[in-house]
Every structure is written in structure tokens, then in C-alpha cells.
PDB file of N, CA and C in Angstrom:
ATOM      1  N   MET A   1       0.790  -1.174   0.055  1.00  0.00           N
ATOM      2  CA  MET A   1      -0.128  -0.008  -0.013  1.00  0.00           C
ATOM      3  C   MET A   1       0.828   1.279   0.010  1.00  0.00           C
ATOM      4  N   ARG A   2       1.912   1.090   0.785  1.00  0.00           N
ATOM      5  CA  ARG A   2       2.850   2.358   0.865  1.00  0.00           C
ATOM      6  C   ARG A   2       3.416   2.583  -0.502  1.00  0.00           C
ATOM      7  N   ARG A   3       3.879   1.572  -1.153  1.00  0.00           N
ATOM      8  CA  ARG A   3       4.525   1.698  -2.517  1.00  0.00           C
ATOM      9  C   ARG A   3       3.597   2.348  -3.488  1.00  0.00           C
ATOM     10  N   LEU A   4       2.306   1.852  -3.420  1.00  0.00           N
ATOM     11  CA  LEU A   4       1.289   2.498  -4.262  1.00  0.00           C
ATOM     12  C   LEU A   4       1.117   3.952  -4.048  1.00  0.00           C
ATOM     13  N   ALA A   5       0.968   4.404  -2.724  1.00  0.00           N
ATOM     14  CA  ALA A   5       0.933   5.690  -2.415  1.00  0.00           C
ATOM     15  C   ALA A   5       2.081   6.535  -2.918  1.00  0.00           C
ATOM     16  N   ARG A   6       3.287   6.078  -2.816  1.00  0.00           N
ATOM     17  CA  ARG A   6       4.520   6.699  -3.233  1.00  0.00           C
ATOM     18  C   ARG A   6       4.384   6.978  -4.770  1.00  0.00           C
ATOM     19  N   MET A   7       3.963   5.790  -5.543  1.00  0.00           N
ATOM     20  CA  MET A   7       3.970   5.848  -6.897  1.00  0.00           C
ATOM     21  C   MET A   7       2.993   7.069  -7.382  1.00  0.00           C
ATOM     22  N   ILE A   8       1.758   6.958  -6.749  1.00  0.00           N
ATOM     23  CA  ILE A   8       0.827   8.028  -7.055  1.00  0.00           C
ATOM     24  C   ILE A   8       1.252   9.385  -6.735  1.00  0.00           C
ATOM     25  N   SER A   9       1.971   9.564  -5.637  1.00  0.00           N
ATOM     26  CA  SER A   9       2.452  10.908  -5.283  1.00  0.00           C
ATOM     27  C   SER A   9       3.555  11.293  -6.350  1.00  0.00           C
ATOM     28  N   PHE A  10       4.405  10.421  -6.629  1.00  0.00           N
ATOM     29  CA  PHE A  10       5.404  10.667  -7.748  1.00  0.00           C
ATOM     30  C   PHE A  10       4.818  11.122  -9.022  1.00  0.00           C
ATOM     31  N   ALA A  11       3.759  10.411  -9.471  1.00  0.00           N
ATOM     32  CA  ALA A  11       3.161  10.652 -10.688  1.00  0.00           C
ATOM     33  C   ALA A  11       2.390  11.980 -10.612  1.00  0.00           C
ATOM     34  N   MET A  12       1.892  12.333  -9.493  1.00  0.00           N
ATOM     35  CA  MET A  12       1.353  13.725  -9.405  1.00  0.00           C
ATOM     36  C   MET A  12       2.255  14.833  -9.533  1.00  0.00           C
ATOM     37  N   VAL A  13       3.504  14.548  -8.956  1.00  0.00           N
ATOM     38  CA  VAL A  13       4.465  15.616  -8.996  1.00  0.00           C
ATOM     39  C   VAL A  13       4.986  15.737 -10.469  1.00  0.00           C
ATOM     40  N   ILE A  14       5.246  14.595 -11.058  1.00  0.00           N
ATOM     41  CA  ILE A  14       5.645  14.586 -12.432  1.00  0.00           C
ATOM     42  C   ILE A  14       4.680  15.294 -13.319  1.00  0.00           C
ATOM     43  N   SER A  15       3.269  15.002 -13.198  1.00  0.00           N
ATOM     44  CA  SER A  15       2.284  15.588 -13.896  1.00  0.00           C
ATOM     45  C   SER A  15       2.231  17.026 -13.766  1.00  0.00           C
ATOM     46  N   ALA A  16       2.355  17.443 -12.523  1.00  0.00           N
ATOM     47  CA  ALA A  16       2.296  19.078 -12.284  1.00  0.00           C
ATOM     48  C   ALA A  16       3.387  19.710 -12.882  1.00  0.00           C
ATOM     49  N   ILE A  17       4.542  19.196 -12.876  1.00  0.00           N
ATOM     50  CA  ILE A  17       5.722  19.684 -13.408  1.00  0.00           C
ATOM     51  C   ILE A  17       5.637  19.730 -14.971  1.00  0.00           C
ATOM     52  N   GLY A  18       5.198  18.655 -15.515  1.00  0.00           N
ATOM     53  CA  GLY A  18       4.917  18.597 -16.937  1.00  0.00           C
ATOM     54  C   GLY A  18       3.933  19.592 -17.396  1.00  0.00           C
ATOM     55  N   GLN A  19       2.860  19.737 -16.549  1.00  0.00           N
ATOM     56  CA  GLN A  19       1.827  20.765 -16.956  1.00  0.00           C
ATOM     57  C   GLN A  19       2.356  22.011 -16.979  1.00  0.00           C
ATOM     58  N   GLU A  20       3.250  22.383 -15.987  1.00  0.00           N
ATOM     59  CA  GLU A  20       3.816  23.773 -16.051  1.00  0.00           C
ATOM     60  C   GLU A  20       4.843  24.004 -17.244  1.00  0.00           C
ATOM     61  N   LEU A  21       5.598  22.956 -17.517  1.00  0.00           N
ATOM     62  CA  LEU A  21       6.579  23.096 -18.554  1.00  0.00           C
ATOM     63  C   LEU A  21       5.907  23.031 -19.885  1.00  0.00           C
ATOM     64  N   SER A  22       4.835  22.495 -20.001  1.00  0.00           N
ATOM     65  CA  SER A  22       4.091  22.552 -21.349  1.00  0.00           C
ATOM     66  C   SER A  22       3.497  23.974 -21.664  1.00  0.00           C
ATOM     67  N   LYS A  23       3.490  24.946 -20.714  1.00  0.00           N
ATOM     68  CA  LYS A  23       3.057  26.178 -20.947  1.00  0.00           C
ATOM     69  C   LYS A  23       4.164  26.980 -21.458  1.00  0.00           C
ATOM     70  N   PRO A  24       3.895  28.072 -22.135  1.00  0.00           N
ATOM     71  CA  PRO A  24       5.001  29.070 -22.581  1.00  0.00           C
ATOM     72  C   PRO A  24       5.582  29.635 -21.214  1.00  0.00           C
ATOM     73  N   ALA A  25       6.800  29.970 -21.321  1.00  0.00           N
ATOM     74  CA  ALA A  25       7.507  30.394 -20.000  1.00  0.00           C
ATOM     75  C   ALA A  25       6.852  31.582 -19.358  1.00  0.00           C
ATOM     76  N   GLU A  26       6.368  32.479 -20.188  1.00  0.00           N
ATOM     77  CA  GLU A  26       5.530  33.731 -19.453  1.00  0.00           C
ATOM     78  C   GLU A  26       4.312  33.327 -18.843  1.00  0.00           C
ATOM     79  N   GLU A  27       3.676  32.129 -19.056  1.00  0.00           N
ATOM     80  CA  GLU A  27       2.487  31.820 -18.606  1.00  0.00           C
ATOM     81  C   GLU A  27       2.529  30.787 -17.377  1.00  0.00           C
ATOM     82  N   ARG A  28       3.710  30.523 -17.096  1.00  0.00           N
ATOM     83  CA  ARG A  28       3.988  29.511 -15.888  1.00  0.00           C
ATOM     84  C   ARG A  28       3.796  30.158 -14.565  1.00  0.00           C
ATOM     85  N   SER A  29       2.987  29.576 -13.830  1.00  0.00           N
ATOM     86  CA  SER A  29       2.699  30.227 -12.411  1.00  0.00           C
ATOM     87  C   SER A  29       3.392  29.298 -11.383  1.00  0.00           C
ATOM     88  N   TRP A  30       3.482  28.061 -11.757  1.00  0.00           N
ATOM     89  CA  TRP A  30       3.985  27.009 -10.830  1.00  0.00           C
ATOM     90  C   TRP A  30       3.097  26.699  -9.652  1.00  0.00           C
ATOM     91  N   GLN A  31       1.750  27.074  -9.897  1.00  0.00           N
ATOM     92  CA  GLN A  31       0.802  26.680  -9.014  1.00  0.00           C
ATOM     93  C   GLN A  31      -0.438  26.373  -9.799  1.00  0.00           C
ATOM     94  N   GLY A  32      -1.342  25.434  -9.227  1.00  0.00           N
ATOM     95  CA  GLY A  32      -2.581  25.092  -9.967  1.00  0.00           C
ATOM     96  C   GLY A  32      -3.110  23.764  -9.458  1.00  0.00           C
ATOM     97  N   GLN A  33      -3.732  22.991 -10.268  1.00  0.00           N
ATOM     98  CA  GLN A  33      -4.211  21.756  -9.791  1.00  0.00           C
ATOM     99  C   GLN A  33      -3.777  20.661 -10.831  1.00  0.00           C
ATOM    100  N   VAL A  34      -3.368  19.463 -10.272  1.00  0.00           N
ATOM    101  CA  VAL A  34      -3.013  18.360 -11.043  1.00  0.00           C
ATOM    102  C   VAL A  34      -4.239  17.336 -11.238  1.00  0.00           C
ATOM    103  N   TRP A  35      -4.532  16.912 -12.318  1.00  0.00           N
ATOM    104  CA  TRP A  35      -5.653  16.006 -12.479  1.00  0.00           C
ATOM    105  C   TRP A  35      -6.987  16.647 -12.125  1.00  0.00           C
ATOM    106  N   ARG A  36      -7.091  18.048 -12.156  1.00  0.00           N
ATOM    107  CA  ARG A  36      -8.246  18.707 -11.842  1.00  0.00           C
ATOM    108  C   ARG A  36      -8.767  18.699 -10.389  1.00  0.00           C
ATOM    109  N   VAL A  37      -7.910  18.036  -9.510  1.00  0.00           N
ATOM    110  CA  VAL A  37      -8.428  17.797  -8.050  1.00  0.00           C
ATOM    111  C   VAL A  37      -7.367  18.202  -7.090  1.00  0.00           C
ATOM    112  N   VAL A  38      -6.208  17.780  -7.315  1.00  0.00           N
ATOM    113  CA  VAL A  38      -5.087  18.031  -6.241  1.00  0.00           C
ATOM    114  C   VAL A  38      -4.355  19.141  -6.575  1.00  0.00           C
ATOM    115  N   PRO A  39      -4.211  20.170  -5.445  1.00  0.00           N
ATOM    116  CA  PRO A  39      -3.450  21.327  -5.681  1.00  0.00           C
ATOM    117  C   PRO A  39      -1.974  21.117  -5.646  1.00  0.00           C
ATOM    118  N   TYR A  40      -1.310  21.985  -6.319  1.00  0.00           N
ATOM    119  CA  TYR A  40       0.182  21.958  -6.254  1.00  0.00           C
ATOM    120  C   TYR A  40       0.651  23.388  -6.217  1.00  0.00           C
ATOM    121  N   ASP A  41       1.763  23.667  -5.659  1.00  0.00           N
ATOM    122  CA  ASP A  41       2.413  24.987  -5.561  1.00  0.00           C
ATOM    123  C   ASP A  41       3.917  24.734  -5.462  1.00  0.00           C
ATOM    124  N   PHE A  42       4.659  25.103  -6.456  1.00  0.00           N
ATOM    125  CA  PHE A  42       6.142  25.010  -6.518  1.00  0.00           C
ATOM    126  C   PHE A  42       6.909  26.358  -6.463  1.00  0.00           C
ATOM    127  N   ARG A  43       6.058  27.374  -5.948  1.00  0.00           N
ATOM    128  CA  ARG A  43       6.721  28.674  -5.746  1.00  0.00           C
ATOM    129  C   ARG A  43       7.523  28.596  -4.545  1.00  0.00           C
ATOM    130  N   VAL A  44       8.521  29.468  -4.388  1.00  0.00           N
ATOM    131  CA  VAL A  44       9.304  29.533  -3.136  1.00  0.00           C
ATOM    132  C   VAL A  44       8.435  29.925  -1.955  1.00  0.00           C
ATOM    133  N   PRO A  45       8.337  29.093  -0.850  1.00  0.00           N
ATOM    134  CA  PRO A  45       7.578  29.418   0.155  1.00  0.00           C
ATOM    135  C   PRO A  45       7.938  30.800   0.974  1.00  0.00           C
ATOM    136  N   THR A  46       6.843  31.455   1.454  1.00  0.00           N
ATOM    137  CA  THR A  46       7.088  32.624   2.268  1.00  0.00           C
ATOM    138  C   THR A  46       6.521  32.379   3.587  1.00  0.00           C
ATOM    139  N   TRP A  47       6.978  33.195   4.622  1.00  0.00           N
ATOM    140  CA  TRP A  47       6.500  33.079   5.931  1.00  0.00           C
ATOM    141  C   TRP A  47       4.914  33.372   5.990  1.00  0.00           C
ATOM    142  N   ALA A  48       4.503  34.246   5.179  1.00  0.00           N
ATOM    143  CA  ALA A  48       3.098  34.665   5.214  1.00  0.00           C
ATOM    144  C   ALA A  48       2.254  33.496   4.633  1.00  0.00           C
ATOM    145  N   ARG A  49       2.789  32.930   3.561  1.00  0.00           N
ATOM    146  CA  ARG A  49       1.880  31.789   3.116  1.00  0.00           C
ATOM    147  C   ARG A  49       2.004  30.526   4.055  1.00  0.00           C
ATOM    148  N   LEU A  50       3.033  30.406   4.641  1.00  0.00           N
ATOM    149  CA  LEU A  50       3.247  29.225   5.572  1.00  0.00           C
ATOM    150  C   LEU A  50       2.168  29.516   6.685  1.00  0.00           C
ATOM    151  N   ARG A  51       2.151  30.721   7.155  1.00  0.00           N
ATOM    152  CA  ARG A  51       1.306  31.084   8.288  1.00  0.00           C
ATOM    153  C   ARG A  51      -0.155  30.862   7.867  1.00  0.00           C
ATOM    154  N   ASP A  52      -0.477  31.380   6.681  1.00  0.00           N
ATOM    155  CA  ASP A  52      -1.885  31.341   6.231  1.00  0.00           C
ATOM    156  C   ASP A  52      -2.349  29.926   5.980  1.00  0.00           C
ATOM    157  N   SER A  53      -1.358  28.963   5.752  1.00  0.00           N
ATOM    158  CA  SER A  53      -1.695  27.633   5.411  1.00  0.00           C
ATOM    159  C   SER A  53      -1.808  26.811   6.695  1.00  0.00           C
ATOM    160  N   LEU A  54      -0.923  27.040   7.615  1.00  0.00           N
ATOM    161  CA  LEU A  54      -0.749  26.150   8.764  1.00  0.00           C
ATOM    162  C   LEU A  54      -1.397  26.705   9.991  1.00  0.00           C
ATOM    163  N   TRP A  55      -1.653  27.964  10.100  1.00  0.00           N
ATOM    164  CA  TRP A  55      -2.212  28.605  11.231  1.00  0.00           C
ATOM    165  C   TRP A  55      -3.129  29.818  10.847  1.00  0.00           C
ATOM    166  N   ALA A  56      -4.363  29.451  10.449  1.00  0.00           N
ATOM    167  CA  ALA A  56      -5.408  30.461  10.106  1.00  0.00           C
ATOM    168  C   ALA A  56      -6.649  29.962  10.798  1.00  0.00           C
ATOM    169  N   PRO A  57      -6.916  30.392  12.059  1.00  0.00           N
ATOM    170  CA  PRO A  57      -8.099  29.959  12.683  1.00  0.00           C
ATOM    171  C   PRO A  57      -9.466  30.470  12.136  1.00  0.00           C
ATOM    172  N   ASP A  58      -9.422  31.598  11.457  1.00  0.00           N
ATOM    173  CA  ASP A  58     -10.628  32.120  10.753  1.00  0.00           C
ATOM    174  C   ASP A  58     -10.868  31.578   9.340  1.00  0.00           C
ATOM    175  N   ASN A  59      -9.874  30.861   8.811  1.00  0.00           N
ATOM    176  CA  ASN A  59     -10.140  30.095   7.517  1.00  0.00           C
ATOM    177  C   ASN A  59     -11.036  28.853   7.691  1.00  0.00           C
ATOM    178  N   PRO A  60     -11.984  28.755   7.029  1.00  0.00           N
ATOM    179  CA  PRO A  60     -12.976  27.580   7.218  1.00  0.00           C
ATOM    180  C   PRO A  60     -12.330  26.328   6.746  1.00  0.00           C
ATOM    181  N   GLN A  61     -11.286  26.362   5.927  1.00  0.00           N
ATOM    182  CA  GLN A  61     -10.723  25.135   5.381  1.00  0.00           C
ATOM    183  C   GLN A  61      -9.818  24.447   6.462  1.00  0.00           C
ATOM    184  N   LEU A  62     -10.118  23.190   6.621  1.00  0.00           N
ATOM    185  CA  LEU A  62      -9.262  22.385   7.454  1.00  0.00           C
ATOM    186  C   LEU A  62      -8.128  21.848   6.732  1.00  0.00           C
ATOM    187  N   PHE A  63      -8.223  21.638   5.459  1.00  0.00           N
ATOM    188  CA  PHE A  63      -7.182  21.091   4.688  1.00  0.00           C
ATOM    189  C   PHE A  63      -6.952  22.068   3.419  1.00  0.00           C
ATOM    190  N   PRO A  64      -6.076  23.125   3.753  1.00  0.00           N
ATOM    191  CA  PRO A  64      -5.716  24.052   2.647  1.00  0.00           C
ATOM    192  C   PRO A  64      -4.700  23.452   1.754  1.00  0.00           C
ATOM    193  N   PRO A  65      -4.394  24.028   0.608  1.00  0.00           N
ATOM    194  CA  PRO A  65      -3.314  23.493  -0.235  1.00  0.00           C
ATOM    195  C   PRO A  65      -1.955  23.742   0.460  1.00  0.00           C
ATOM    196  N   ARG A  66      -1.059  22.726   0.174  1.00  0.00           N
ATOM    197  CA  ARG A  66       0.364  22.809   0.673  1.00  0.00           C
ATOM    198  C   ARG A  66       1.019  24.142   0.336  1.00  0.00           C
ATOM    199  N   VAL A  67       1.936  24.567   1.152  1.00  0.00           N
ATOM    200  CA  VAL A  67       2.668  25.757   0.827  1.00  0.00           C
ATOM    201  C   VAL A  67       3.712  25.518  -0.233  1.00  0.00           C
ATOM    202  N   PHE A  68       4.285  24.322  -0.207  1.00  0.00           N
ATOM    203  CA  PHE A  68       5.106  23.926  -1.273  1.00  0.00           C
ATOM    204  C   PHE A  68       4.912  22.375  -1.630  1.00  0.00           C
ATOM    205  N   GLY A  69       4.705  22.063  -2.808  1.00  0.00           N
ATOM    206  CA  GLY A  69       4.576  20.535  -3.256  1.00  0.00           C
ATOM    207  C   GLY A  69       3.203  20.404  -3.736  1.00  0.00           C
ATOM    208  N   VAL A  70       2.749  19.063  -3.654  1.00  0.00           N
ATOM    209  CA  VAL A  70       1.529  18.649  -4.081  1.00  0.00           C
ATOM    210  C   VAL A  70       0.644  18.034  -2.910  1.00  0.00           C
ATOM    211  N   GLY A  71      -0.638  18.499  -2.909  1.00  0.00           N
ATOM    212  CA  GLY A  71      -1.491  17.923  -1.881  1.00  0.00           C
ATOM    213  C   GLY A  71      -1.991  19.077  -1.001  1.00  0.00           C
ATOM    214  N   TRP A  72      -2.409  18.569   0.174  1.00  0.00           N
ATOM    215  CA  TRP A  72      -2.942  19.417   1.170  1.00  0.00           C
ATOM    216  C   TRP A  72      -2.125  19.450   2.350  1.00  0.00           C
ATOM    217  N   SER A  73      -2.331  20.340   3.269  1.00  0.00           N
ATOM    218  CA  SER A  73      -1.751  20.445   4.647  1.00  0.00           C
ATOM    219  C   SER A  73      -2.796  20.487   5.658  1.00  0.00           C
ATOM    220  N   ILE A  74      -2.578  20.625   6.883  1.00  0.00           N
ATOM    221  CA  ILE A  74      -3.605  20.712   7.977  1.00  0.00           C
ATOM    222  C   ILE A  74      -3.584  22.108   8.553  1.00  0.00           C
ATOM    223  N   ASN A  75      -4.721  22.744   8.570  1.00  0.00           N
ATOM    224  CA  ASN A  75      -4.762  24.042   9.238  1.00  0.00           C
ATOM    225  C   ASN A  75      -4.926  23.944  10.712  1.00  0.00           C
ATOM    226  N   PHE A  76      -3.725  23.917  11.349  1.00  0.00           N
ATOM    227  CA  PHE A  76      -3.790  23.693  12.793  1.00  0.00           C
ATOM    228  C   PHE A  76      -4.550  24.814  13.597  1.00  0.00           C
ATOM    229  N   GLY A  77      -4.563  25.926  12.996  1.00  0.00           N
ATOM    230  CA  GLY A  77      -5.236  27.091  13.643  1.00  0.00           C
ATOM    231  C   GLY A  77      -6.682  26.712  13.735  1.00  0.00           C
ATOM    232  N   ARG A  78      -7.265  26.167  12.556  1.00  0.00           N
ATOM    233  CA  ARG A  78      -8.614  25.889  12.507  1.00  0.00           C
ATOM    234  C   ARG A  78      -9.112  24.757  13.375  1.00  0.00           C
ATOM    235  N   VAL A  79      -8.142  23.758  13.501  1.00  0.00           N
ATOM    236  CA  VAL A  79      -8.322  22.583  14.335  1.00  0.00           C
ATOM    237  C   VAL A  79      -8.385  23.159  15.921  1.00  0.00           C
ATOM    238  N   TYR A  80      -7.500  23.973  16.187  1.00  0.00           N
ATOM    239  CA  TYR A  80      -7.485  24.582  17.463  1.00  0.00           C
ATOM    240  C   TYR A  80      -8.764  25.351  17.779  1.00  0.00           C
ATOM    241  N   ALA A  81      -9.202  26.106  16.841  1.00  0.00           N
ATOM    242  CA  ALA A  81     -10.508  26.855  16.957  1.00  0.00           C
ATOM    243  C   ALA A  81     -11.709  26.065  17.173  1.00  0.00           C
ATOM    244  N   LEU A  82     -11.697  24.984  16.402  1.00  0.00           N
ATOM    245  CA  LEU A  82     -12.862  24.092  16.476  1.00  0.00           C
ATOM    246  C   LEU A  82     -12.796  23.312  17.858  1.00  0.00           C
ATOM    247  N   LEU A  83     -11.715  22.807  18.355  1.00  0.00           N
ATOM    248  CA  LEU A  83     -11.573  22.301  19.688  1.00  0.00           C
ATOM    249  C   LEU A  83     -11.983  23.124  20.695  1.00  0.00           C
ATOM    250  N   ARG A  84     -11.518  24.338  20.716  1.00  0.00           N
ATOM    251  CA  ARG A  84     -11.819  25.457  21.664  1.00  0.00           C
ATOM    252  C   ARG A  84     -13.281  25.690  21.749  1.00  0.00           C
ATOM    253  N   SER A  85     -13.860  25.787  20.631  1.00  0.00           N
ATOM    254  CA  SER A  85     -15.283  25.953  20.469  1.00  0.00           C
ATOM    255  C   SER A  85     -16.049  24.757  21.106  1.00  0.00           C
ATOM    256  N   ALA A  86     -15.680  23.603  20.784  1.00  0.00           N
ATOM    257  CA  ALA A  86     -16.398  22.343  21.325  1.00  0.00           C
ATOM    258  C   ALA A  86     -16.237  22.285  22.777  1.00  0.00           C
ATOM    259  N   ALA A  87     -15.063  22.727  23.325  1.00  0.00           N
ATOM    260  CA  ALA A  87     -14.717  22.563  24.784  1.00  0.00           C
ATOM    261  C   ALA A  87     -15.595  23.545  25.592  1.00  0.00           C
ATOM    262  N   ARG A  88     -15.994  24.761  24.835  1.00  0.00           N
ATOM    263  CA  ARG A  88     -16.794  25.741  25.550  1.00  0.00           C
ATOM    264  C   ARG A  88     -18.250  25.229  25.566  1.00  0.00           C
ATOM    265  N   GLN A  89     -18.769  24.384  24.779  1.00  0.00           N
ATOM    266  CA  GLN A  89     -20.167  24.004  24.720  1.00  0.00           C
ATOM    267  C   GLN A  89     -20.334  22.845  25.663  1.00  0.00           C
TER     268      GLN A  89
END
């Protein structure tokens, strides 16, 4: 199962890079969706994007796109806000 997951992950990375390289150089954004579902972002990460992805209690997304790479990350700020709200009730 682990091998299959790695192969799929590798295929998504290769597909995303191929998708970007198939565009003219001036149109490459290095971010988008691979297979119309999975987000990717190969731009250089910034502290602001890292914070907005990993700690954004006001963002309703529990799984925002990763700051760098293919897939999703966990919005720990939202998890904390939901747990805090549940504890109050």
C-alpha cells in the first residue's frame, strides 16, 4: 500500500511539473491543480503563505493546499479553534 501511495504521489509531482513546462515560459505560475483535483504549488515558500496555510483559525478550510509541493496540509489554527469551540459547549 505504501509503495502504491508513493507511486501515485510521484506521478502527481511529475504531472504537475509537466503541466507547467508545457506552458509558454511567460504563462508558468508554478501553482494550480493536477488531475483537476489535487492542488500544487512550486513557488518559493514565504512566511506569510506558511502562516496562512498552517495557522489560520478564521479560515474555514481544514485542509488548505500545501505551501510547497503537491496535496494538502492541515490548518492547525482551524483545528485549535474548533476544539476550543467544542470545549466551551
